[in-house]
Amino acid sequence: MRRYLSWAFLVAAGLLLGVVSSSYQRSNAAPPTSVANADSVNADVVAELKEIKTELKEINTHLRTGVTRVFVNMNP
């Protein structure tokens, strides 16, 4: 009888753990934006991507010159 009681407690604990974990909120994501707001957000993203593209082009041209120095600072 004692063995059945321990199995019952184990099953009950598993069920309780399953119920508690299923009600846990997994994400704090914001709800989707409206279509009008999405256009302005997309325009901002495109502008940032264009800026990154120009910076990458500058870095690429600098690296192609072959005059690159690396400075390493080591703190004791």
PDB file of N, CA and C in Angstrom:
ATOM      1  N   MET A   1       0.820  -1.197   0.000  1.00  0.00           N
ATOM      2  CA  MET A   1       0.000   0.000   0.000  1.00  0.00           C
ATOM      3  C   MET A   1       0.860   1.256   0.000  1.00  0.00           C
ATOM      4  N   ARG A   2       1.979   1.185   0.712  1.00  0.00           N
ATOM      5  CA  ARG A   2       2.843   2.341   0.812  1.00  0.00           C
ATOM      6  C   ARG A   2       3.438   2.685  -0.565  1.00  0.00           C
ATOM      7  N   ARG A   3       3.724   1.662  -1.387  1.00  0.00           N
ATOM      8  CA  ARG A   3       4.294   1.885  -2.705  1.00  0.00           C
ATOM      9  C   ARG A   3       3.295   2.603  -3.612  1.00  0.00           C
ATOM     10  N   TYR A   4       2.029   2.250  -3.540  1.00  0.00           N
ATOM     11  CA  TYR A   4       1.005   2.921  -4.349  1.00  0.00           C
ATOM     12  C   TYR A   4       0.838   4.375  -3.934  1.00  0.00           C
ATOM     13  N   LEU A   5       0.962   4.626  -2.649  1.00  0.00           N
ATOM     14  CA  LEU A   5       0.825   5.991  -2.151  1.00  0.00           C
ATOM     15  C   LEU A   5       1.975   6.867  -2.672  1.00  0.00           C
ATOM     16  N   SER A   6       3.183   6.329  -2.699  1.00  0.00           N
ATOM     17  CA  SER A   6       4.315   7.114  -3.205  1.00  0.00           C
ATOM     18  C   SER A   6       4.166   7.376  -4.704  1.00  0.00           C
ATOM     19  N   TRP A   7       3.675   6.382  -5.461  1.00  0.00           N
ATOM     20  CA  TRP A   7       3.434   6.609  -6.883  1.00  0.00           C
ATOM     21  C   TRP A   7       2.330   7.649  -7.099  1.00  0.00           C
ATOM     22  N   ALA A   8       1.323   7.631  -6.261  1.00  0.00           N
ATOM     23  CA  ALA A   8       0.235   8.608  -6.374  1.00  0.00           C
ATOM     24  C   ALA A   8       0.758  10.017  -6.112  1.00  0.00           C
ATOM     25  N   PHE A   9       1.634  10.149  -5.101  1.00  0.00           N
ATOM     26  CA  PHE A   9       2.223  11.462  -4.833  1.00  0.00           C
ATOM     27  C   PHE A   9       3.096  11.920  -5.995  1.00  0.00           C
ATOM     28  N   LEU A  10       3.837  11.010  -6.595  1.00  0.00           N
ATOM     29  CA  LEU A  10       4.697  11.341  -7.718  1.00  0.00           C
ATOM     30  C   LEU A  10       3.872  11.794  -8.928  1.00  0.00           C
ATOM     31  N   VAL A  11       2.786  11.102  -9.199  1.00  0.00           N
ATOM     32  CA  VAL A  11       1.912  11.478 -10.312  1.00  0.00           C
ATOM     33  C   VAL A  11       1.241  12.810 -10.034  1.00  0.00           C
ATOM     34  N   ALA A  12       0.794  13.018  -8.797  1.00  0.00           N
ATOM     35  CA  ALA A  12       0.151  14.278  -8.437  1.00  0.00           C
ATOM     36  C   ALA A  12       1.134  15.443  -8.566  1.00  0.00           C
ATOM     37  N   ALA A  13       2.387  15.234  -8.146  1.00  0.00           N
ATOM     38  CA  ALA A  13       3.395  16.290  -8.268  1.00  0.00           C
ATOM     39  C   ALA A  13       3.673  16.586  -9.736  1.00  0.00           C
ATOM     40  N   GLY A  14       3.710  15.572 -10.576  1.00  0.00           N
ATOM     41  CA  GLY A  14       3.922  15.779 -12.003  1.00  0.00           C
ATOM     42  C   GLY A  14       2.784  16.555 -12.636  1.00  0.00           C
ATOM     43  N   LEU A  15       1.563  16.199 -12.264  1.00  0.00           N
ATOM     44  CA  LEU A  15       0.412  16.931 -12.790  1.00  0.00           C
ATOM     45  C   LEU A  15       0.417  18.382 -12.328  1.00  0.00           C
ATOM     46  N   LEU A  16       0.733  18.591 -11.063  1.00  0.00           N
ATOM     47  CA  LEU A  16       0.784  19.952 -10.528  1.00  0.00           C
ATOM     48  C   LEU A  16       1.869  20.760 -11.231  1.00  0.00           C
ATOM     49  N   LEU A  17       3.022  20.159 -11.450  1.00  0.00           N
ATOM     50  CA  LEU A  17       4.098  20.839 -12.158  1.00  0.00           C
ATOM     51  C   LEU A  17       3.693  21.143 -13.601  1.00  0.00           C
ATOM     52  N   GLY A  18       2.988  20.243 -14.235  1.00  0.00           N
ATOM     53  CA  GLY A  18       2.520  20.473 -15.603  1.00  0.00           C
ATOM     54  C   GLY A  18       1.523  21.609 -15.692  1.00  0.00           C
ATOM     55  N   VAL A  19       0.622  21.687 -14.724  1.00  0.00           N
ATOM     56  CA  VAL A  19      -0.378  22.763 -14.717  1.00  0.00           C
ATOM     57  C   VAL A  19       0.292  24.104 -14.462  1.00  0.00           C
ATOM     58  N   VAL A  20       1.232  24.131 -13.534  1.00  0.00           N
ATOM     59  CA  VAL A  20       1.903  25.388 -13.217  1.00  0.00           C
ATOM     60  C   VAL A  20       2.745  25.861 -14.393  1.00  0.00           C
ATOM     61  N   SER A  21       3.462  24.959 -15.049  1.00  0.00           N
ATOM     62  CA  SER A  21       4.317  25.377 -16.161  1.00  0.00           C
ATOM     63  C   SER A  21       3.513  25.755 -17.398  1.00  0.00           C
ATOM     64  N   SER A  22       2.328  25.222 -17.568  1.00  0.00           N
ATOM     65  CA  SER A  22       1.537  25.566 -18.751  1.00  0.00           C
ATOM     66  C   SER A  22       0.910  26.947 -18.634  1.00  0.00           C
ATOM     67  N   SER A  23       0.734  27.444 -17.425  1.00  0.00           N
ATOM     68  CA  SER A  23       0.143  28.765 -17.258  1.00  0.00           C
ATOM     69  C   SER A  23       1.201  29.857 -17.224  1.00  0.00           C
ATOM     70  N   TYR A  24       2.475  29.500 -17.313  1.00  0.00           N
ATOM     71  CA  TYR A  24       3.560  30.463 -17.292  1.00  0.00           C
ATOM     72  C   TYR A  24       3.605  31.221 -18.607  1.00  0.00           C
ATOM     73  N   GLN A  25       3.683  32.564 -18.521  1.00  0.00           N
ATOM     74  CA  GLN A  25       3.734  33.386 -19.727  1.00  0.00           C
ATOM     75  C   GLN A  25       5.135  33.297 -20.321  1.00  0.00           C
ATOM     76  N   ARG A  26       5.237  32.896 -21.564  1.00  0.00           N
ATOM     77  CA  ARG A  26       6.526  32.646 -22.178  1.00  0.00           C
ATOM     78  C   ARG A  26       7.129  33.885 -22.837  1.00  0.00           C
ATOM     79  N   SER A  27       6.350  34.853 -23.241  1.00  0.00           N
ATOM     80  CA  SER A  27       6.885  35.969 -24.005  1.00  0.00           C
ATOM     81  C   SER A  27       6.298  37.278 -23.524  1.00  0.00           C
ATOM     82  N   ASN A  28       7.096  38.326 -23.597  1.00  0.00           N
ATOM     83  CA  ASN A  28       6.621  39.675 -23.290  1.00  0.00           C
ATOM     84  C   ASN A  28       6.571  40.510 -24.565  1.00  0.00           C
ATOM     85  N   ALA A  29       6.313  39.868 -25.686  1.00  0.00           N
ATOM     86  CA  ALA A  29       6.295  40.556 -26.969  1.00  0.00           C
ATOM     87  C   ALA A  29       5.119  41.524 -27.040  1.00  0.00           C
ATOM     88  N   ALA A  30       5.362  42.628 -27.712  1.00  0.00           N
ATOM     89  CA  ALA A  30       4.312  43.615 -27.901  1.00  0.00           C
ATOM     90  C   ALA A  30       3.331  43.111 -28.956  1.00  0.00           C
ATOM     91  N   PRO A  31       2.091  43.536 -28.867  1.00  0.00           N
ATOM     92  CA  PRO A  31       1.124  43.128 -29.886  1.00  0.00           C
ATOM     93  C   PRO A  31       1.483  43.734 -31.243  1.00  0.00           C
ATOM     94  N   PRO A  32       0.994  43.149 -32.322  1.00  0.00           N
ATOM     95  CA  PRO A  32       1.317  43.665 -33.652  1.00  0.00           C
ATOM     96  C   PRO A  32       0.868  45.113 -33.812  1.00  0.00           C
ATOM     97  N   THR A  33       1.633  45.876 -34.576  1.00  0.00           N
ATOM     98  CA  THR A  33       1.293  47.279 -34.795  1.00  0.00           C
ATOM     99  C   THR A  33       0.300  47.401 -35.942  1.00  0.00           C
ATOM    100  N   SER A  34      -0.302  48.551 -36.030  1.00  0.00           N
ATOM    101  CA  SER A  34      -1.251  48.782 -37.115  1.00  0.00           C
ATOM    102  C   SER A  34      -0.501  48.965 -38.430  1.00  0.00           C
ATOM    103  N   VAL A  35      -1.202  48.923 -39.527  1.00  0.00           N
ATOM    104  CA  VAL A  35      -0.589  49.017 -40.849  1.00  0.00           C
ATOM    105  C   VAL A  35       0.012  50.403 -41.063  1.00  0.00           C
ATOM    106  N   ALA A  36      -0.645  51.441 -40.573  1.00  0.00           N
ATOM    107  CA  ALA A  36      -0.136  52.805 -40.747  1.00  0.00           C
ATOM    108  C   ALA A  36       1.161  52.983 -39.971  1.00  0.00           C
ATOM    109  N   ASN A  37       1.224  52.439 -38.783  1.00  0.00           N
ATOM    110  CA  ASN A  37       2.427  52.555 -37.971  1.00  0.00           C
ATOM    111  C   ASN A  37       3.534  51.673 -38.532  1.00  0.00           C
ATOM    112  N   ALA A  38       3.182  50.558 -39.125  1.00  0.00           N
ATOM    113  CA  ALA A  38       4.171  49.635 -39.674  1.00  0.00           C
ATOM    114  C   ALA A  38       4.935  50.273 -40.829  1.00  0.00           C
ATOM    115  N   ASP A  39       4.270  51.117 -41.610  1.00  0.00           N
ATOM    116  CA  ASP A  39       4.948  51.770 -42.722  1.00  0.00           C
ATOM    117  C   ASP A  39       6.048  52.704 -42.232  1.00  0.00           C
ATOM    118  N   SER A  40       5.777  53.451 -41.167  1.00  0.00           N
ATOM    119  CA  SER A  40       6.802  54.349 -40.637  1.00  0.00           C
ATOM    120  C   SER A  40       7.943  53.557 -39.999  1.00  0.00           C
ATOM    121  N   VAL A  41       7.612  52.446 -39.341  1.00  0.00           N
ATOM    122  CA  VAL A  41       8.649  51.604 -38.746  1.00  0.00           C
ATOM    123  C   VAL A  41       9.510  50.995 -39.846  1.00  0.00           C
ATOM    124  N   ASN A  42       8.883  50.536 -40.923  1.00  0.00           N
ATOM    125  CA  ASN A  42       9.634  49.969 -42.040  1.00  0.00           C
ATOM    126  C   ASN A  42      10.533  51.008 -42.686  1.00  0.00           C
ATOM    127  N   ALA A  43      10.075  52.237 -42.787  1.00  0.00           N
ATOM    128  CA  ALA A  43      10.893  53.300 -43.368  1.00  0.00           C
ATOM    129  C   ALA A  43      12.111  53.567 -42.491  1.00  0.00           C
ATOM    130  N   ASP A  44      11.931  53.530 -41.169  1.00  0.00           N
ATOM    131  CA  ASP A  44      13.060  53.715 -40.251  1.00  0.00           C
ATOM    132  C   ASP A  44      14.071  52.585 -40.394  1.00  0.00           C
ATOM    133  N   VAL A  45      13.574  51.375 -40.526  1.00  0.00           N
ATOM    134  CA  VAL A  45      14.463  50.216 -40.659  1.00  0.00           C
ATOM    135  C   VAL A  45      15.240  50.303 -41.963  1.00  0.00           C
ATOM    136  N   VAL A  46      14.578  50.688 -43.028  1.00  0.00           N
ATOM    137  CA  VAL A  46      15.252  50.809 -44.332  1.00  0.00           C
ATOM    138  C   VAL A  46      16.320  51.895 -44.265  1.00  0.00           C
ATOM    139  N   ALA A  47      16.026  53.013 -43.603  1.00  0.00           N
ATOM    140  CA  ALA A  47      17.007  54.092 -43.480  1.00  0.00           C
ATOM    141  C   ALA A  47      18.232  53.623 -42.695  1.00  0.00           C
ATOM    142  N   GLU A  48      18.015  52.888 -41.610  1.00  0.00           N
ATOM    143  CA  GLU A  48      19.140  52.368 -40.824  1.00  0.00           C
ATOM    144  C   GLU A  48      19.960  51.373 -41.628  1.00  0.00           C
ATOM    145  N   LEU A  49      19.291  50.528 -42.404  1.00  0.00           N
ATOM    146  CA  LEU A  49      20.013  49.556 -43.212  1.00  0.00           C
ATOM    147  C   LEU A  49      20.846  50.240 -44.291  1.00  0.00           C
ATOM    148  N   LYS A  50      20.338  51.324 -44.864  1.00  0.00           N
ATOM    149  CA  LYS A  50      21.113  52.064 -45.853  1.00  0.00           C
ATOM    150  C   LYS A  50      22.341  52.692 -45.213  1.00  0.00           C
ATOM    151  N   GLU A  51      22.187  53.199 -43.999  1.00  0.00           N
ATOM    152  CA  GLU A  51      23.318  53.777 -43.279  1.00  0.00           C
ATOM    153  C   GLU A  51      24.376  52.713 -42.980  1.00  0.00           C
ATOM    154  N   ILE A  52      23.947  51.542 -42.576  1.00  0.00           N
ATOM    155  CA  ILE A  52      24.873  50.439 -42.318  1.00  0.00           C
ATOM    156  C   ILE A  52      25.585  50.037 -43.600  1.00  0.00           C
ATOM    157  N   LYS A  53      24.867  50.036 -44.702  1.00  0.00           N
ATOM    158  CA  LYS A  53      25.464  49.665 -45.988  1.00  0.00           C
ATOM    159  C   LYS A  53      26.562  50.636 -46.377  1.00  0.00           C
ATOM    160  N   THR A  54      26.330  51.942 -46.196  1.00  0.00           N
ATOM    161  CA  THR A  54      27.370  52.923 -46.533  1.00  0.00           C
ATOM    162  C   THR A  54      28.574  52.789 -45.609  1.00  0.00           C
ATOM    163  N   GLU A  55      28.337  52.527 -44.329  1.00  0.00           N
ATOM    164  CA  GLU A  55      29.457  52.342 -43.401  1.00  0.00           C
ATOM    165  C   GLU A  55      30.266  51.099 -43.767  1.00  0.00           C
ATOM    166  N   LEU A  56      29.591  50.027 -44.165  1.00  0.00           N
ATOM    167  CA  LEU A  56      30.301  48.821 -44.581  1.00  0.00           C
ATOM    168  C   LEU A  56      31.123  49.062 -45.840  1.00  0.00           C
ATOM    169  N   LYS A  57      30.608  49.869 -46.755  1.00  0.00           N
ATOM    170  CA  LYS A  57      31.369  50.195 -47.959  1.00  0.00           C
ATOM    171  C   LYS A  57      32.630  50.974 -47.596  1.00  0.00           C
ATOM    172  N   GLU A  58      32.520  51.924 -46.653  1.00  0.00           N
ATOM    173  CA  GLU A  58      33.693  52.682 -46.221  1.00  0.00           C
ATOM    174  C   GLU A  58      34.727  51.771 -45.574  1.00  0.00           C
ATOM    175  N   ILE A  59      34.287  50.867 -44.734  1.00  0.00           N
ATOM    176  CA  ILE A  59      35.193  49.932 -44.067  1.00  0.00           C
ATOM    177  C   ILE A  59      35.852  49.027 -45.098  1.00  0.00           C
ATOM    178  N   ASN A  60      35.080  48.576 -46.072  1.00  0.00           N
ATOM    179  CA  ASN A  60      35.608  47.690 -47.102  1.00  0.00           C
ATOM    180  C   ASN A  60      36.680  48.393 -47.927  1.00  0.00           C
ATOM    181  N   THR A  61      36.448  49.634 -48.318  1.00  0.00           N
ATOM    182  CA  THR A  61      37.459  50.370 -49.083  1.00  0.00           C
ATOM    183  C   THR A  61      38.706  50.604 -48.238  1.00  0.00           C
ATOM    184  N   HIS A  62      38.544  50.871 -46.960  1.00  0.00           N
ATOM    185  CA  HIS A  62      39.695  51.055 -46.073  1.00  0.00           C
ATOM    186  C   HIS A  62      40.498  49.770 -45.944  1.00  0.00           C
ATOM    187  N   LEU A  63      39.817  48.649 -45.820  1.00  0.00           N
ATOM    188  CA  LEU A  63      40.521  47.381 -45.681  1.00  0.00           C
ATOM    189  C   LEU A  63      41.232  46.979 -46.977  1.00  0.00           C
ATOM    190  N   ARG A  64      40.703  47.373 -48.108  1.00  0.00           N
ATOM    191  CA  ARG A  64      41.325  47.032 -49.390  1.00  0.00           C
ATOM    192  C   ARG A  64      42.608  47.807 -49.634  1.00  0.00           C
ATOM    193  N   THR A  65      42.800  48.939 -48.952  1.00  0.00           N
ATOM    194  CA  THR A  65      44.033  49.704 -49.129  1.00  0.00           C
ATOM    195  C   THR A  65      45.218  48.952 -48.561  1.00  0.00           C
ATOM    196  N   GLY A  66      45.017  48.100 -47.605  1.00  0.00           N
ATOM    197  CA  GLY A  66      46.096  47.329 -47.012  1.00  0.00           C
ATOM    198  C   GLY A  66      46.825  48.051 -45.904  1.00  0.00           C
ATOM    199  N   VAL A  67      46.389  49.253 -45.572  1.00  0.00           N
ATOM    200  CA  VAL A  67      47.026  50.023 -44.505  1.00  0.00           C
ATOM    201  C   VAL A  67      46.126  49.938 -43.274  1.00  0.00           C
ATOM    202  N   THR A  68      46.240  48.831 -42.586  1.00  0.00           N
ATOM    203  CA  THR A  68      45.408  48.622 -41.407  1.00  0.00           C
ATOM    204  C   THR A  68      46.312  48.340 -40.218  1.00  0.00           C
ATOM    205  N   ARG A  69      46.103  49.048 -39.151  1.00  0.00           N
ATOM    206  CA  ARG A  69      46.876  48.838 -37.926  1.00  0.00           C
ATOM    207  C   ARG A  69      45.939  48.381 -36.837  1.00  0.00           C
ATOM    208  N   VAL A  70      46.442  47.483 -36.050  1.00  0.00           N
ATOM    209  CA  VAL A  70      45.651  46.960 -34.949  1.00  0.00           C
ATOM    210  C   VAL A  70      46.349  47.307 -33.651  1.00  0.00           C
ATOM    211  N   PHE A  71      45.632  47.931 -32.747  1.00  0.00           N
ATOM    212  CA  PHE A  71      46.155  48.288 -31.435  1.00  0.00           C
ATOM    213  C   PHE A  71      45.458  47.420 -30.396  1.00  0.00           C
ATOM    214  N   VAL A  72      46.275  46.804 -29.561  1.00  0.00           N
ATOM    215  CA  VAL A  72      45.726  45.940 -28.525  1.00  0.00           C
ATOM    216  C   VAL A  72      46.132  46.495 -27.175  1.00  0.00           C
ATOM    217  N   ASN A  73      45.173  46.753 -26.315  1.00  0.00           N
ATOM    218  CA  ASN A  73      45.426  47.194 -24.954  1.00  0.00           C
ATOM    219  C   ASN A  73      45.144  46.058 -24.008  1.00  0.00           C
ATOM    220  N   MET A  74      46.156  45.689 -23.246  1.00  0.00           N
ATOM    221  CA  MET A  74      45.961  44.599 -22.282  1.00  0.00           C
ATOM    222  C   MET A  74      46.060  45.184 -20.886  1.00  0.00           C
ATOM    223  N   ASN A  75      45.029  45.006 -20.111  1.00  0.00           N
ATOM    224  CA  ASN A  75      45.038  45.475 -18.729  1.00  0.00           C
ATOM    225  C   ASN A  75      45.558  44.368 -17.825  1.00  0.00           C
ATOM    226  N   PRO A  76      46.516  44.712 -16.956  1.00  0.00           N
ATOM    227  CA  PRO A  76      47.053  43.669 -16.066  1.00  0.00           C
ATOM    228  C   PRO A  76      46.076  43.263 -15.000  1.00  0.00           C
TER     229      PRO A  76
END
